[in-house]
């Protein structure tokens, strides 16, 4: 859990532009995808390629936009574990997806 917490904090710092350069823009597109994948790839099931992981992250955000609540991530953990993620990796995936692609829902995401 500590490794996921450190990775998620690092992801948040990178995407929020808190790297010491106040004028640095938040990464987007392929750069944001690369940061996200760097966080989640090592704990993801081998059956999830990079494109599938990014699509799954966007589905997580879609679920938050349709049902913004803490119950949403509980359902997401269930779906991810049914598809090969450990509970630990599912929590990391949801936290990283939220930080990268829909930070406006971070209050609903699992906390490290």
PDB file of N, CA and C in Angstrom:
ATOM      1  N   UNK A   1       0.823  -1.181   0.000  1.00  0.00           N
ATOM      2  CA  UNK A   1       0.000   0.000   0.000  1.00  0.00           C
ATOM      3  C   UNK A   1       0.870   1.250   0.000  1.00  0.00           C
ATOM      4  N   UNK A   2       2.001   1.184   0.711  1.00  0.00           N
ATOM      5  CA  UNK A   2       2.878   2.343   0.776  1.00  0.00           C
ATOM      6  C   UNK A   2       3.423   2.686  -0.608  1.00  0.00           C
ATOM      7  N   UNK A   3       3.751   1.661  -1.410  1.00  0.00           N
ATOM      8  CA  UNK A   3       4.273   1.906  -2.751  1.00  0.00           C
ATOM      9  C   UNK A   3       3.235   2.603  -3.618  1.00  0.00           C
ATOM     10  N   UNK A   4       1.965   2.186  -3.522  1.00  0.00           N
ATOM     11  CA  UNK A   4       0.893   2.832  -4.276  1.00  0.00           C
ATOM     12  C   UNK A   4       0.719   4.264  -3.809  1.00  0.00           C
ATOM     13  N   UNK A   5       0.783   4.485  -2.500  1.00  0.00           N
ATOM     14  CA  UNK A   5       0.629   5.839  -1.964  1.00  0.00           C
ATOM     15  C   UNK A   5       1.718   6.750  -2.512  1.00  0.00           C
ATOM     16  N   UNK A   6       2.948   6.295  -2.491  1.00  0.00           N
ATOM     17  CA  UNK A   6       4.058   7.089  -3.015  1.00  0.00           C
ATOM     18  C   UNK A   6       3.870   7.336  -4.509  1.00  0.00           C
ATOM     19  N   UNK A   7       3.475   6.311  -5.247  1.00  0.00           N
ATOM     20  CA  UNK A   7       3.269   6.462  -6.696  1.00  0.00           C
ATOM     21  C   UNK A   7       2.145   7.443  -6.980  1.00  0.00           C
ATOM     22  N   UNK A   8       1.060   7.360  -6.235  1.00  0.00           N
ATOM     23  CA  UNK A   8      -0.077   8.268  -6.461  1.00  0.00           C
ATOM     24  C   UNK A   8       0.293   9.702  -6.109  1.00  0.00           C
ATOM     25  N   UNK A   9       1.052   9.891  -5.038  1.00  0.00           N
ATOM     26  CA  UNK A   9       1.501  11.244  -4.690  1.00  0.00           C
ATOM     27  C   UNK A   9       2.403  11.771  -5.796  1.00  0.00           C
ATOM     28  N   UNK A  10       3.305  10.927  -6.284  1.00  0.00           N
ATOM     29  CA  UNK A  10       4.164  11.346  -7.392  1.00  0.00           C
ATOM     30  C   UNK A  10       3.367  11.697  -8.630  1.00  0.00           C
ATOM     31  N   UNK A  11       2.357  10.893  -8.925  1.00  0.00           N
ATOM     32  CA  UNK A  11       1.493  11.162 -10.075  1.00  0.00           C
ATOM     33  C   UNK A  11       0.776  12.487  -9.886  1.00  0.00           C
ATOM     34  N   UNK A  12       0.245  12.720  -8.712  1.00  0.00           N
ATOM     35  CA  UNK A  12      -0.455  13.981  -8.451  1.00  0.00           C
ATOM     36  C   UNK A  12       0.469  15.169  -8.610  1.00  0.00           C
ATOM     37  N   UNK A  13       1.694  15.059  -8.106  1.00  0.00           N
ATOM     38  CA  UNK A  13       2.643  16.157  -8.245  1.00  0.00           C
ATOM     39  C   UNK A  13       2.995  16.410  -9.698  1.00  0.00           C
ATOM     40  N   UNK A  14       3.210  15.348 -10.449  1.00  0.00           N
ATOM     41  CA  UNK A  14       3.554  15.514 -11.861  1.00  0.00           C
ATOM     42  C   UNK A  14       2.428  16.138 -12.660  1.00  0.00           C
ATOM     43  N   UNK A  15       1.205  15.676 -12.436  1.00  0.00           N
ATOM     44  CA  UNK A  15       0.110  16.177 -13.265  1.00  0.00           C
ATOM     45  C   UNK A  15      -0.425  17.515 -12.794  1.00  0.00           C
ATOM     46  N   UNK A  16      -0.130  17.876 -11.549  1.00  0.00           N
ATOM     47  CA  UNK A  16      -0.618  19.164 -11.070  1.00  0.00           C
ATOM     48  C   UNK A  16       0.382  20.276 -11.348  1.00  0.00           C
ATOM     49  N   UNK A  17       1.544  19.915 -11.842  1.00  0.00           N
ATOM     50  CA  UNK A  17       2.544  20.930 -12.149  1.00  0.00           C
ATOM     51  C   UNK A  17       3.300  21.402 -10.924  1.00  0.00           C
ATOM     52  N   UNK A  18       3.295  20.626  -9.853  1.00  0.00           N
ATOM     53  CA  UNK A  18       3.973  21.017  -8.613  1.00  0.00           C
ATOM     54  C   UNK A  18       5.412  20.516  -8.609  1.00  0.00           C
ATOM     55  N   UNK A  19       6.098  20.671  -9.678  1.00  0.00           N
ATOM     56  CA  UNK A  19       7.458  20.155  -9.757  1.00  0.00           C
ATOM     57  C   UNK A  19       8.491  21.249  -9.528  1.00  0.00           C
ATOM     58  N   UNK A  20       8.087  22.355  -8.935  1.00  0.00           N
ATOM     59  CA  UNK A  20       9.023  23.431  -8.674  1.00  0.00           C
ATOM     60  C   UNK A  20       8.963  24.527  -9.726  1.00  0.00           C
ATOM     61  N   UNK A  21       8.285  24.301 -10.810  1.00  0.00           N
ATOM     62  CA  UNK A  21       8.144  25.294 -11.859  1.00  0.00           C
ATOM     63  C   UNK A  21       6.685  25.704 -11.934  1.00  0.00           C
ATOM     64  N   UNK A  22       6.312  26.838 -11.333  1.00  0.00           N
ATOM     65  CA  UNK A  22       4.906  27.195 -11.250  1.00  0.00           C
ATOM     66  C   UNK A  22       4.213  27.383 -12.598  1.00  0.00           C
ATOM     67  N   UNK A  23       4.963  27.660 -13.652  1.00  0.00           N
ATOM     68  CA  UNK A  23       4.334  27.894 -14.950  1.00  0.00           C
ATOM     69  C   UNK A  23       4.210  26.622 -15.784  1.00  0.00           C
ATOM     70  N   UNK A  24       4.695  25.508 -15.254  1.00  0.00           N
ATOM     71  CA  UNK A  24       4.639  24.252 -16.001  1.00  0.00           C
ATOM     72  C   UNK A  24       3.192  23.807 -16.154  1.00  0.00           C
ATOM     73  N   UNK A  25       2.817  23.467 -17.380  1.00  0.00           N
ATOM     74  CA  UNK A  25       1.452  23.028 -17.660  1.00  0.00           C
ATOM     75  C   UNK A  25       1.243  21.581 -17.241  1.00  0.00           C
ATOM     76  N   UNK A  26       0.010  21.264 -16.941  1.00  0.00           N
ATOM     77  CA  UNK A  26      -0.373  19.888 -16.601  1.00  0.00           C
ATOM     78  C   UNK A  26      -0.215  19.033 -17.854  1.00  0.00           C
ATOM     79  N   UNK A  27       0.440  17.861 -17.743  1.00  0.00           N
ATOM     80  CA  UNK A  27       0.585  16.994 -18.919  1.00  0.00           C
ATOM     81  C   UNK A  27      -0.777  16.573 -19.464  1.00  0.00           C
ATOM     82  N   UNK A  28      -0.835  16.357 -20.753  1.00  0.00           N
ATOM     83  CA  UNK A  28      -2.054  15.892 -21.406  1.00  0.00           C
ATOM     84  C   UNK A  28      -1.680  14.817 -22.419  1.00  0.00           C
ATOM     85  N   UNK A  29      -2.693  14.198 -22.991  1.00  0.00           N
ATOM     86  CA  UNK A  29      -2.497  13.248 -24.079  1.00  0.00           C
ATOM     87  C   UNK A  29      -1.526  12.134 -23.743  1.00  0.00           C
ATOM     88  N   UNK A  30      -0.610  11.887 -24.656  1.00  0.00           N
ATOM     89  CA  UNK A  30       0.336  10.776 -24.519  1.00  0.00           C
ATOM     90  C   UNK A  30       1.244  10.944 -23.304  1.00  0.00           C
ATOM     91  N   UNK A  31       1.604  12.176 -22.968  1.00  0.00           N
ATOM     92  CA  UNK A  31       2.461  12.406 -21.801  1.00  0.00           C
ATOM     93  C   UNK A  31       1.741  12.007 -20.515  1.00  0.00           C
ATOM     94  N   UNK A  32       0.470  12.359 -20.407  1.00  0.00           N
ATOM     95  CA  UNK A  32      -0.313  11.984 -19.224  1.00  0.00           C
ATOM     96  C   UNK A  32      -0.516  10.472 -19.185  1.00  0.00           C
ATOM     97  N   UNK A  33      -0.811   9.878 -20.336  1.00  0.00           N
ATOM     98  CA  UNK A  33      -0.961   8.415 -20.405  1.00  0.00           C
ATOM     99  C   UNK A  33       0.315   7.718 -19.934  1.00  0.00           C
ATOM    100  N   UNK A  34       1.468   8.215 -20.352  1.00  0.00           N
ATOM    101  CA  UNK A  34       2.747   7.598 -19.972  1.00  0.00           C
ATOM    102  C   UNK A  34       2.965   7.668 -18.463  1.00  0.00           C
ATOM    103  N   UNK A  35       2.627   8.797 -17.854  1.00  0.00           N
ATOM    104  CA  UNK A  35       2.768   8.926 -16.401  1.00  0.00           C
ATOM    105  C   UNK A  35       1.830   7.945 -15.708  1.00  0.00           C
ATOM    106  N   UNK A  36       0.584   7.911 -16.147  1.00  0.00           N
ATOM    107  CA  UNK A  36      -0.404   6.999 -15.570  1.00  0.00           C
ATOM    108  C   UNK A  36       0.066   5.550 -15.693  1.00  0.00           C
ATOM    109  N   UNK A  37       0.499   5.162 -16.877  1.00  0.00           N
ATOM    110  CA  UNK A  37       0.944   3.780 -17.101  1.00  0.00           C
ATOM    111  C   UNK A  37       2.168   3.438 -16.264  1.00  0.00           C
ATOM    112  N   UNK A  38       3.041   4.400 -16.049  1.00  0.00           N
ATOM    113  CA  UNK A  38       4.206   4.176 -15.204  1.00  0.00           C
ATOM    114  C   UNK A  38       3.820   3.821 -13.771  1.00  0.00           C
ATOM    115  N   UNK A  39       2.680   4.329 -13.334  1.00  0.00           N
ATOM    116  CA  UNK A  39       2.199   4.046 -11.981  1.00  0.00           C
ATOM    117  C   UNK A  39       1.501   2.691 -11.905  1.00  0.00           C
ATOM    118  N   UNK A  40       0.652   2.380 -12.878  1.00  0.00           N
ATOM    119  CA  UNK A  40      -0.205   1.191 -12.747  1.00  0.00           C
ATOM    120  C   UNK A  40       0.309  -0.065 -13.443  1.00  0.00           C
ATOM    121  N   UNK A  41       1.190   0.059 -14.395  1.00  0.00           N
ATOM    122  CA  UNK A  41       1.606  -1.096 -15.208  1.00  0.00           C
ATOM    123  C   UNK A  41       2.147  -2.248 -14.366  1.00  0.00           C
ATOM    124  N   UNK A  42       2.984  -1.975 -13.388  1.00  0.00           N
ATOM    125  CA  UNK A  42       3.664  -3.049 -12.645  1.00  0.00           C
ATOM    126  C   UNK A  42       2.708  -3.921 -11.841  1.00  0.00           C
ATOM    127  N   UNK A  43       1.550  -3.397 -11.450  1.00  0.00           N
ATOM    128  CA  UNK A  43       0.604  -4.174 -10.651  1.00  0.00           C
ATOM    129  C   UNK A  43      -0.610  -4.653 -11.447  1.00  0.00           C
ATOM    130  N   UNK A  44      -0.688  -4.281 -12.708  1.00  0.00           N
ATOM    131  CA  UNK A  44      -1.831  -4.670 -13.534  1.00  0.00           C
ATOM    132  C   UNK A  44      -1.672  -6.105 -14.036  1.00  0.00           C
ATOM    133  N   UNK A  45      -2.795  -6.787 -14.261  1.00  0.00           N
ATOM    134  CA  UNK A  45      -2.702  -8.141 -14.819  1.00  0.00           C
ATOM    135  C   UNK A  45      -2.062  -8.097 -16.215  1.00  0.00           C
ATOM    136  N   UNK A  46      -1.313  -9.124 -16.575  1.00  0.00           N
ATOM    137  CA  UNK A  46      -0.660  -9.141 -17.890  1.00  0.00           C
ATOM    138  C   UNK A  46      -1.649  -9.078 -19.050  1.00  0.00           C
ATOM    139  N   UNK A  47      -2.885  -9.475 -18.819  1.00  0.00           N
ATOM    140  CA  UNK A  47      -3.884  -9.450 -19.896  1.00  0.00           C
ATOM    141  C   UNK A  47      -4.315  -8.029 -20.259  1.00  0.00           C
ATOM    142  N   UNK A  48      -3.953  -7.043 -19.450  1.00  0.00           N
ATOM    143  CA  UNK A  48      -4.295  -5.647 -19.733  1.00  0.00           C
ATOM    144  C   UNK A  48      -3.111  -4.978 -20.408  1.00  0.00           C
ATOM    145  N   UNK A  49      -3.240  -4.688 -21.699  1.00  0.00           N
ATOM    146  CA  UNK A  49      -2.181  -3.939 -22.373  1.00  0.00           C
ATOM    147  C   UNK A  49      -2.362  -2.454 -22.047  1.00  0.00           C
ATOM    148  N   UNK A  50      -1.423  -1.628 -22.513  1.00  0.00           N
ATOM    149  CA  UNK A  50      -1.460  -0.205 -22.181  1.00  0.00           C
ATOM    150  C   UNK A  50      -2.764   0.468 -22.633  1.00  0.00           C
ATOM    151  N   UNK A  51      -3.198   0.175 -23.843  1.00  0.00           N
ATOM    152  CA  UNK A  51      -4.429   0.793 -24.360  1.00  0.00           C
ATOM    153  C   UNK A  51      -5.637   0.395 -23.513  1.00  0.00           C
ATOM    154  N   UNK A  52      -5.680  -0.846 -23.072  1.00  0.00           N
ATOM    155  CA  UNK A  52      -6.789  -1.317 -22.244  1.00  0.00           C
ATOM    156  C   UNK A  52      -6.763  -0.641 -20.878  1.00  0.00           C
ATOM    157  N   UNK A  53      -5.580  -0.464 -20.317  1.00  0.00           N
ATOM    158  CA  UNK A  53      -5.480   0.226 -19.030  1.00  0.00           C
ATOM    159  C   UNK A  53      -5.964   1.670 -19.130  1.00  0.00           C
ATOM    160  N   UNK A  54      -5.585   2.357 -20.185  1.00  0.00           N
ATOM    161  CA  UNK A  54      -6.027   3.747 -20.361  1.00  0.00           C
ATOM    162  C   UNK A  54      -7.539   3.790 -20.572  1.00  0.00           C
ATOM    163  N   UNK A  55      -8.078   2.877 -21.378  1.00  0.00           N
ATOM    164  CA  UNK A  55      -9.536   2.828 -21.574  1.00  0.00           C
ATOM    165  C   UNK A  55     -10.247   2.551 -20.252  1.00  0.00           C
ATOM    166  N   UNK A  56      -9.712   1.620 -19.467  1.00  0.00           N
ATOM    167  CA  UNK A  56     -10.315   1.303 -18.169  1.00  0.00           C
ATOM    168  C   UNK A  56     -10.288   2.520 -17.244  1.00  0.00           C
ATOM    169  N   UNK A  57      -9.221   3.286 -17.291  1.00  0.00           N
ATOM    170  CA  UNK A  57      -9.137   4.504 -16.480  1.00  0.00           C
ATOM    171  C   UNK A  57     -10.234   5.492 -16.874  1.00  0.00           C
ATOM    172  N   UNK A  58     -10.480   5.616 -18.164  1.00  0.00           N
ATOM    173  CA  UNK A  58     -11.532   6.532 -18.615  1.00  0.00           C
ATOM    174  C   UNK A  58     -12.921   6.013 -18.240  1.00  0.00           C
ATOM    175  N   UNK A  59     -13.091   4.704 -18.223  1.00  0.00           N
ATOM    176  CA  UNK A  59     -14.366   4.128 -17.771  1.00  0.00           C
ATOM    177  C   UNK A  59     -14.567   4.451 -16.289  1.00  0.00           C
ATOM    178  N   UNK A  60     -13.509   4.367 -15.502  1.00  0.00           N
ATOM    179  CA  UNK A  60     -13.598   4.727 -14.084  1.00  0.00           C
ATOM    180  C   UNK A  60     -14.098   6.161 -13.948  1.00  0.00           C
ATOM    181  N   UNK A  61     -13.534   7.062 -14.724  1.00  0.00           N
ATOM    182  CA  UNK A  61     -13.961   8.466 -14.668  1.00  0.00           C
ATOM    183  C   UNK A  61     -15.401   8.625 -15.149  1.00  0.00           C
ATOM    184  N   UNK A  62     -15.779   7.886 -16.186  1.00  0.00           N
ATOM    185  CA  UNK A  62     -17.170   7.934 -16.658  1.00  0.00           C
ATOM    186  C   UNK A  62     -18.127   7.510 -15.555  1.00  0.00           C
ATOM    187  N   UNK A  63     -17.742   6.475 -14.801  1.00  0.00           N
ATOM    188  CA  UNK A  63     -18.590   6.009 -13.701  1.00  0.00           C
ATOM    189  C   UNK A  63     -18.734   7.079 -12.626  1.00  0.00           C
ATOM    190  N   UNK A  64     -17.639   7.764 -12.320  1.00  0.00           N
ATOM    191  CA  UNK A  64     -17.726   8.863 -11.350  1.00  0.00           C
ATOM    192  C   UNK A  64     -18.641   9.972 -11.851  1.00  0.00           C
ATOM    193  N   UNK A  65     -18.566  10.295 -13.142  1.00  0.00           N
ATOM    194  CA  UNK A  65     -19.404  11.386 -13.645  1.00  0.00           C
ATOM    195  C   UNK A  65     -20.879  11.000 -13.628  1.00  0.00           C
ATOM    196  N   UNK A  66     -21.177   9.714 -13.801  1.00  0.00           N
ATOM    197  CA  UNK A  66     -22.566   9.249 -13.772  1.00  0.00           C
ATOM    198  C   UNK A  66     -23.076   9.069 -12.345  1.00  0.00           C
ATOM    199  N   UNK A  67     -22.190   8.648 -11.435  1.00  0.00           N
ATOM    200  CA  UNK A  67     -22.583   8.353 -10.049  1.00  0.00           C
ATOM    201  C   UNK A  67     -21.499   8.851  -9.094  1.00  0.00           C
ATOM    202  N   UNK A  68     -21.389  10.150  -8.888  1.00  0.00           N
ATOM    203  CA  UNK A  68     -20.326  10.663  -8.019  1.00  0.00           C
ATOM    204  C   UNK A  68     -20.587  10.350  -6.546  1.00  0.00           C
ATOM    205  N   UNK A  69     -19.981   9.269  -6.080  1.00  0.00           N
ATOM    206  CA  UNK A  69     -20.090   8.894  -4.671  1.00  0.00           C
ATOM    207  C   UNK A  69     -18.963   7.942  -4.314  1.00  0.00           C
ATOM    208  N   UNK A  70     -18.748   7.760  -3.025  1.00  0.00           N
ATOM    209  CA  UNK A  70     -17.715   6.817  -2.590  1.00  0.00           C
ATOM    210  C   UNK A  70     -18.112   5.382  -2.920  1.00  0.00           C
ATOM    211  N   UNK A  71     -19.399   5.122  -3.075  1.00  0.00           N
ATOM    212  CA  UNK A  71     -19.830   3.770  -3.435  1.00  0.00           C
ATOM    213  C   UNK A  71     -19.345   3.382  -4.826  1.00  0.00           C
ATOM    214  N   UNK A  72     -19.108   4.360  -5.682  1.00  0.00           N
ATOM    215  CA  UNK A  72     -18.665   4.079  -7.050  1.00  0.00           C
ATOM    216  C   UNK A  72     -17.339   3.331  -7.056  1.00  0.00           C
ATOM    217  N   UNK A  73     -16.376   3.736  -6.238  1.00  0.00           N
ATOM    218  CA  UNK A  73     -15.083   3.045  -6.279  1.00  0.00           C
ATOM    219  C   UNK A  73     -15.192   1.640  -5.715  1.00  0.00           C
ATOM    220  N   UNK A  74     -16.138   1.400  -4.821  1.00  0.00           N
ATOM    221  CA  UNK A  74     -16.334   0.038  -4.304  1.00  0.00           C
ATOM    222  C   UNK A  74     -16.782  -0.883  -5.441  1.00  0.00           C
ATOM    223  N   UNK A  75     -17.682  -0.406  -6.273  1.00  0.00           N
ATOM    224  CA  UNK A  75     -18.129  -1.182  -7.438  1.00  0.00           C
ATOM    225  C   UNK A  75     -16.968  -1.371  -8.403  1.00  0.00           C
ATOM    226  N   UNK A  76     -16.169  -0.332  -8.596  1.00  0.00           N
ATOM    227  CA  UNK A  76     -15.031  -0.421  -9.505  1.00  0.00           C
ATOM    228  C   UNK A  76     -14.017  -1.462  -9.031  1.00  0.00           C
ATOM    229  N   UNK A  77     -13.763  -1.529  -7.731  1.00  0.00           N
ATOM    230  CA  UNK A  77     -12.848  -2.543  -7.198  1.00  0.00           C
ATOM    231  C   UNK A  77     -13.380  -3.930  -7.516  1.00  0.00           C
ATOM    232  N   UNK A  78     -14.683  -4.127  -7.335  1.00  0.00           N
ATOM    233  CA  UNK A  78     -15.290  -5.427  -7.626  1.00  0.00           C
ATOM    234  C   UNK A  78     -15.094  -5.801  -9.093  1.00  0.00           C
ATOM    235  N   UNK A  79     -15.354  -4.858  -9.986  1.00  0.00           N
ATOM    236  CA  UNK A  79     -15.205  -5.129 -11.423  1.00  0.00           C
ATOM    237  C   UNK A  79     -13.748  -5.428 -11.760  1.00  0.00           C
ATOM    238  N   UNK A  80     -12.825  -4.635 -11.244  1.00  0.00           N
ATOM    239  CA  UNK A  80     -11.411  -4.862 -11.544  1.00  0.00           C
ATOM    240  C   UNK A  80     -10.914  -6.187 -10.986  1.00  0.00           C
ATOM    241  N   UNK A  81     -11.311  -6.557  -9.769  1.00  0.00           N
ATOM    242  CA  UNK A  81     -10.859  -7.828  -9.211  1.00  0.00           C
ATOM    243  C   UNK A  81     -11.465  -9.009  -9.967  1.00  0.00           C
ATOM    244  N   UNK A  82     -12.659  -8.833 -10.493  1.00  0.00           N
ATOM    245  CA  UNK A  82     -13.244  -9.898 -11.321  1.00  0.00           C
ATOM    246  C   UNK A  82     -12.519 -10.041 -12.657  1.00  0.00           C
ATOM    247  N   UNK A  83     -11.712  -9.034 -13.000  1.00  0.00           N
ATOM    248  CA  UNK A  83     -10.975  -9.063 -14.258  1.00  0.00           C
ATOM    249  C   UNK A  83      -9.467  -9.219 -14.053  1.00  0.00           C
ATOM    250  N   UNK A  84      -9.071  -9.762 -12.905  1.00  0.00           N
ATOM    251  CA  UNK A  84      -7.677 -10.135 -12.717  1.00  0.00           C
ATOM    252  C   UNK A  84      -6.837  -9.250 -11.827  1.00  0.00           C
ATOM    253  N   UNK A  85      -7.331  -8.114 -11.384  1.00  0.00           N
ATOM    254  CA  UNK A  85      -6.578  -7.257 -10.476  1.00  0.00           C
ATOM    255  C   UNK A  85      -6.673  -7.812  -9.059  1.00  0.00           C
ATOM    256  N   UNK A  86      -5.617  -7.655  -8.280  1.00  0.00           N
ATOM    257  CA  UNK A  86      -5.732  -7.911  -6.850  1.00  0.00           C
ATOM    258  C   UNK A  86      -6.489  -6.722  -6.260  1.00  0.00           C
ATOM    259  N   UNK A  87      -6.974  -6.851  -5.053  1.00  0.00           N
ATOM    260  CA  UNK A  87      -7.654  -5.722  -4.408  1.00  0.00           C
ATOM    261  C   UNK A  87      -6.737  -4.528  -4.276  1.00  0.00           C
ATOM    262  N   UNK A  88      -5.477  -4.802  -3.932  1.00  0.00           N
ATOM    263  CA  UNK A  88      -4.455  -3.766  -3.805  1.00  0.00           C
ATOM    264  C   UNK A  88      -4.245  -3.026  -5.127  1.00  0.00           C
ATOM    265  N   UNK A  89      -4.083  -3.794  -6.204  1.00  0.00           N
ATOM    266  CA  UNK A  89      -3.846  -3.195  -7.522  1.00  0.00           C
ATOM    267  C   UNK A  89      -5.086  -2.450  -8.016  1.00  0.00           C
ATOM    268  N   UNK A  90      -6.270  -2.954  -7.686  1.00  0.00           N
ATOM    269  CA  UNK A  90      -7.506  -2.273  -8.094  1.00  0.00           C
ATOM    270  C   UNK A  90      -7.595  -0.906  -7.424  1.00  0.00           C
ATOM    271  N   UNK A  91      -7.280  -0.842  -6.144  1.00  0.00           N
ATOM    272  CA  UNK A  91      -7.284   0.447  -5.446  1.00  0.00           C
ATOM    273  C   UNK A  91      -6.283   1.416  -6.054  1.00  0.00           C
ATOM    274  N   UNK A  92      -5.099   0.908  -6.379  1.00  0.00           N
ATOM    275  CA  UNK A  92      -4.084   1.742  -7.021  1.00  0.00           C
ATOM    276  C   UNK A  92      -4.519   2.232  -8.386  1.00  0.00           C
ATOM    277  N   UNK A  93      -5.148   1.354  -9.148  1.00  0.00           N
ATOM    278  CA  UNK A  93      -5.648   1.712 -10.483  1.00  0.00           C
ATOM    279  C   UNK A  93      -6.691   2.823 -10.378  1.00  0.00           C
ATOM    280  N   UNK A  94      -7.627   2.671  -9.450  1.00  0.00           N
ATOM    281  CA  UNK A  94      -8.687   3.668  -9.295  1.00  0.00           C
ATOM    282  C   UNK A  94      -8.104   5.006  -8.835  1.00  0.00           C
ATOM    283  N   UNK A  95      -7.195   4.959  -7.870  1.00  0.00           N
ATOM    284  CA  UNK A  95      -6.571   6.188  -7.399  1.00  0.00           C
ATOM    285  C   UNK A  95      -5.767   6.888  -8.486  1.00  0.00           C
ATOM    286  N   UNK A  96      -4.993   6.116  -9.239  1.00  0.00           N
ATOM    287  CA  UNK A  96      -4.178   6.701 -10.308  1.00  0.00           C
ATOM    288  C   UNK A  96      -5.050   7.229 -11.447  1.00  0.00           C
ATOM    289  N   UNK A  97      -6.089   6.484 -11.812  1.00  0.00           N
ATOM    290  CA  UNK A  97      -7.000   6.930 -12.875  1.00  0.00           C
ATOM    291  C   UNK A  97      -7.673   8.237 -12.484  1.00  0.00           C
ATOM    292  N   UNK A  98      -8.111   8.306 -11.236  1.00  0.00           N
ATOM    293  CA  UNK A  98      -8.772   9.514 -10.754  1.00  0.00           C
ATOM    294  C   UNK A  98      -7.813  10.694 -10.757  1.00  0.00           C
ATOM    295  N   UNK A  99      -6.608  10.492 -10.244  1.00  0.00           N
ATOM    296  CA  UNK A  99      -5.615  11.569 -10.206  1.00  0.00           C
ATOM    297  C   UNK A  99      -5.253  12.051 -11.608  1.00  0.00           C
ATOM    298  N   UNK A 100      -5.137  11.112 -12.541  1.00  0.00           N
ATOM    299  CA  UNK A 100      -4.703  11.469 -13.887  1.00  0.00           C
ATOM    300  C   UNK A 100      -5.810  12.062 -14.744  1.00  0.00           C
ATOM    301  N   UNK A 101      -6.972  11.439 -14.745  1.00  0.00           N
ATOM    302  CA  UNK A 101      -7.980  11.767 -15.748  1.00  0.00           C
ATOM    303  C   UNK A 101      -9.232  12.463 -15.219  1.00  0.00           C
ATOM    304  N   UNK A 102      -9.476  12.389 -13.926  1.00  0.00           N
ATOM    305  CA  UNK A 102     -10.677  13.067 -13.396  1.00  0.00           C
ATOM    306  C   UNK A 102     -10.448  13.501 -11.953  1.00  0.00           C
ATOM    307  N   UNK A 103      -9.459  14.372 -11.732  1.00  0.00           N
ATOM    308  CA  UNK A 103      -9.127  14.770 -10.362  1.00  0.00           C
ATOM    309  C   UNK A 103     -10.279  15.464  -9.628  1.00  0.00           C
ATOM    310  N   UNK A 104     -11.257  15.938 -10.369  1.00  0.00           N
ATOM    311  CA  UNK A 104     -12.402  16.575  -9.715  1.00  0.00           C
ATOM    312  C   UNK A 104     -13.181  15.586  -8.848  1.00  0.00           C
ATOM    313  N   UNK A 105     -12.966  14.286  -9.037  1.00  0.00           N
ATOM    314  CA  UNK A 105     -13.649  13.262  -8.239  1.00  0.00           C
ATOM    315  C   UNK A 105     -12.734  12.646  -7.178  1.00  0.00           C
ATOM    316  N   UNK A 106     -11.598  13.261  -6.909  1.00  0.00           N
ATOM    317  CA  UNK A 106     -10.631  12.669  -5.982  1.00  0.00           C
ATOM    318  C   UNK A 106     -11.201  12.484  -4.574  1.00  0.00           C
ATOM    319  N   UNK A 107     -12.176  13.278  -4.184  1.00  0.00           N
ATOM    320  CA  UNK A 107     -12.753  13.098  -2.848  1.00  0.00           C
ATOM    321  C   UNK A 107     -13.504  11.780  -2.711  1.00  0.00           C
ATOM    322  N   UNK A 108     -13.847  11.144  -3.844  1.00  0.00           N
ATOM    323  CA  UNK A 108     -14.570   9.874  -3.815  1.00  0.00           C
ATOM    324  C   UNK A 108     -13.643   8.671  -3.979  1.00  0.00           C
ATOM    325  N   UNK A 109     -12.435   8.875  -4.413  1.00  0.00           N
ATOM    326  CA  UNK A 109     -11.500   7.781  -4.720  1.00  0.00           C
ATOM    327  C   UNK A 109     -10.913   7.190  -3.447  1.00  0.00           C
ATOM    328  N   UNK A 110     -10.401   5.947  -3.530  1.00  0.00           N
ATOM    329  CA  UNK A 110      -9.767   5.340  -2.359  1.00  0.00           C
ATOM    330  C   UNK A 110      -8.548   6.150  -1.940  1.00  0.00           C
ATOM    331  N   UNK A 111      -8.344   6.242  -0.664  1.00  0.00           N
ATOM    332  CA  UNK A 111      -7.194   6.980  -0.125  1.00  0.00           C
ATOM    333  C   UNK A 111      -6.101   5.997   0.264  1.00  0.00           C
ATOM    334  N   UNK A 112      -4.835   6.348  -0.070  1.00  0.00           N
ATOM    335  CA  UNK A 112      -3.719   5.456   0.298  1.00  0.00           C
ATOM    336  C   UNK A 112      -3.530   5.404   1.791  1.00  0.00           C
TER     337      UNK A 112
END
